[in-house]
Amino acid sequence: MNPRVIAVEVLNNHQLIVAFDNQEKRIFDVSDYLDFPVFQVLRNPSYFKSVRVAHGTLVWSNEVDFCPDTVYLKSIA
């Protein structure tokens, strides 16, 4: 099982600095997912900035979230 998210910070260009429970901080680029219908709402800058951590992963309102394994495996150190 991969580490879980414990904190998040919003960067420009649909990127996030994500802190994990294994003490790593990595950059997760959401722009690769913005063409998928469920994630198109994240194109709105104010909505994107409303990201929060819940249950070890990144979430937004309206049930938009990412699997914690995806966040870890697709992020870069």
C-alpha atoms as a PDB file:
ATOM      1  CA  MET A   1       0.000   0.000   0.000  1.00  0.00           C
ATOM      2  CA  ASN A   2       1.278   3.468  -0.894  1.00  0.00           C
ATOM      3  CA  PRO A   3       1.516   6.369   1.570  1.00  0.00           C
ATOM      4  CA  ARG A   4      -1.525   8.493   2.309  1.00  0.00           C
ATOM      5  CA  VAL A   5      -1.887  12.245   1.858  1.00  0.00           C
ATOM      6  CA  ILE A   6      -1.644  14.371   5.010  1.00  0.00           C
ATOM      7  CA  ALA A   7      -1.406  17.910   3.553  1.00  0.00           C
ATOM      8  CA  VAL A   8      -1.746  19.785   0.264  1.00  0.00           C
ATOM      9  CA  GLU A   9      -0.645  23.147  -1.108  1.00  0.00           C
ATOM     10  CA  VAL A  10      -1.885  24.641  -4.382  1.00  0.00           C
ATOM     11  CA  LEU A  11       0.642  25.759  -7.001  1.00  0.00           C
ATOM     12  CA  ASN A  12       0.116  27.376 -10.406  1.00  0.00           C
ATOM     13  CA  ASN A  13      -0.736  25.441 -13.575  1.00  0.00           C
ATOM     14  CA  HIS A  14      -2.928  22.848 -11.852  1.00  0.00           C
ATOM     15  CA  GLN A  15      -0.120  21.484  -9.749  1.00  0.00           C
ATOM     16  CA  LEU A  16      -0.179  20.587  -6.067  1.00  0.00           C
ATOM     17  CA  ILE A  17       2.505  20.006  -3.469  1.00  0.00           C
ATOM     18  CA  VAL A  18       1.357  16.935  -1.614  1.00  0.00           C
ATOM     19  CA  ALA A  19       2.744  15.784   1.733  1.00  0.00           C
ATOM     20  CA  PHE A  20       2.472  12.086   2.513  1.00  0.00           C
ATOM     21  CA  ASP A  21       2.515  10.173   5.784  1.00  0.00           C
ATOM     22  CA  ASN A  22       5.945   8.743   4.909  1.00  0.00           C
ATOM     23  CA  GLN A  23       7.417  12.290   5.224  1.00  0.00           C
ATOM     24  CA  GLU A  24       7.743  12.770   1.446  1.00  0.00           C
ATOM     25  CA  LYS A  25       6.597  15.899  -0.373  1.00  0.00           C
ATOM     26  CA  ARG A  26       5.870  15.473  -4.058  1.00  0.00           C
ATOM     27  CA  ILE A  27       4.317  17.460  -6.912  1.00  0.00           C
ATOM     28  CA  PHE A  28       1.103  16.127  -8.409  1.00  0.00           C
ATOM     29  CA  ASP A  29       0.141  17.592 -11.790  1.00  0.00           C
ATOM     30  CA  VAL A  30      -3.615  17.506 -12.255  1.00  0.00           C
ATOM     31  CA  SER A  31      -3.496  18.965 -15.793  1.00  0.00           C
ATOM     32  CA  ASP A  32      -3.089  15.470 -17.268  1.00  0.00           C
ATOM     33  CA  TYR A  33      -6.603  14.624 -16.040  1.00  0.00           C
ATOM     34  CA  LEU A  34      -8.525  17.765 -17.060  1.00  0.00           C
ATOM     35  CA  ASP A  35      -9.902  16.252 -20.276  1.00  0.00           C
ATOM     36  CA  PHE A  36     -11.756  13.545 -18.360  1.00  0.00           C
ATOM     37  CA  PRO A  37     -15.379  14.652 -17.804  1.00  0.00           C
ATOM     38  CA  VAL A  38     -15.337  14.112 -14.039  1.00  0.00           C
ATOM     39  CA  PHE A  39     -12.262  16.346 -13.641  1.00  0.00           C
ATOM     40  CA  GLN A  40     -13.207  19.153 -16.067  1.00  0.00           C
ATOM     41  CA  VAL A  41     -14.625  21.175 -13.188  1.00  0.00           C
ATOM     42  CA  LEU A  42     -11.038  21.483 -11.882  1.00  0.00           C
ATOM     43  CA  ARG A  43     -10.287  23.837 -14.781  1.00  0.00           C
ATOM     44  CA  ASN A  44     -12.007  26.548 -12.725  1.00  0.00           C
ATOM     45  CA  PRO A  45      -9.166  28.150 -10.705  1.00  0.00           C
ATOM     46  CA  SER A  46     -11.248  28.969  -7.637  1.00  0.00           C
ATOM     47  CA  TYR A  47     -12.712  25.476  -7.534  1.00  0.00           C
ATOM     48  CA  PHE A  48      -9.284  23.922  -7.992  1.00  0.00           C
ATOM     49  CA  LYS A  49      -7.974  25.925  -5.027  1.00  0.00           C
ATOM     50  CA  SER A  50     -10.685  24.460  -2.799  1.00  0.00           C
ATOM     51  CA  VAL A  51      -8.828  21.143  -2.602  1.00  0.00           C
ATOM     52  CA  ARG A  52      -8.567  19.548   0.829  1.00  0.00           C
ATOM     53  CA  VAL A  53      -7.367  16.336   2.403  1.00  0.00           C
ATOM     54  CA  ALA A  54      -9.886  13.733   3.525  1.00  0.00           C
ATOM     55  CA  HIS A  55      -9.387  10.047   4.272  1.00  0.00           C
ATOM     56  CA  GLY A  56      -5.789  10.158   3.082  1.00  0.00           C
ATOM     57  CA  THR A  57      -6.379  11.646  -0.350  1.00  0.00           C
ATOM     58  CA  LEU A  58      -7.202  14.834  -2.270  1.00  0.00           C
ATOM     59  CA  VAL A  59     -10.852  15.828  -2.483  1.00  0.00           C
ATOM     60  CA  TRP A  60     -13.040  18.630  -3.762  1.00  0.00           C
ATOM     61  CA  SER A  61     -16.750  19.153  -3.244  1.00  0.00           C
ATOM     62  CA  ASN A  62     -19.222  17.330  -5.502  1.00  0.00           C
ATOM     63  CA  GLU A  63     -17.399  14.027  -4.915  1.00  0.00           C
ATOM     64  CA  VAL A  64     -14.384  14.891  -7.077  1.00  0.00           C
ATOM     65  CA  ASP A  65     -11.326  13.095  -5.743  1.00  0.00           C
ATOM     66  CA  PHE A  66      -8.247  11.129  -6.681  1.00  0.00           C
ATOM     67  CA  CYS A  67      -7.295   7.668  -5.520  1.00  0.00           C
ATOM     68  CA  PRO A  68      -4.420   8.074  -3.013  1.00  0.00           C
ATOM     69  CA  ASP A  69      -2.395   5.496  -4.939  1.00  0.00           C
ATOM     70  CA  THR A  70      -2.720   7.569  -8.121  1.00  0.00           C
ATOM     71  CA  VAL A  71      -1.652  10.718  -6.292  1.00  0.00           C
ATOM     72  CA  TYR A  72       1.484   9.003  -5.008  1.00  0.00           C
ATOM     73  CA  LEU A  73       2.424   6.997  -8.094  1.00  0.00           C
ATOM     74  CA  LYS A  74       1.834   9.842 -10.566  1.00  0.00           C
ATOM     75  CA  SER A  75       3.518  12.556  -8.498  1.00  0.00           C
ATOM     76  CA  ILE A  76       7.183  13.479  -8.745  1.00  0.00           C
ATOM     77  CA  ALA A  77       9.696  14.155  -6.005  1.00  0.00           C
END
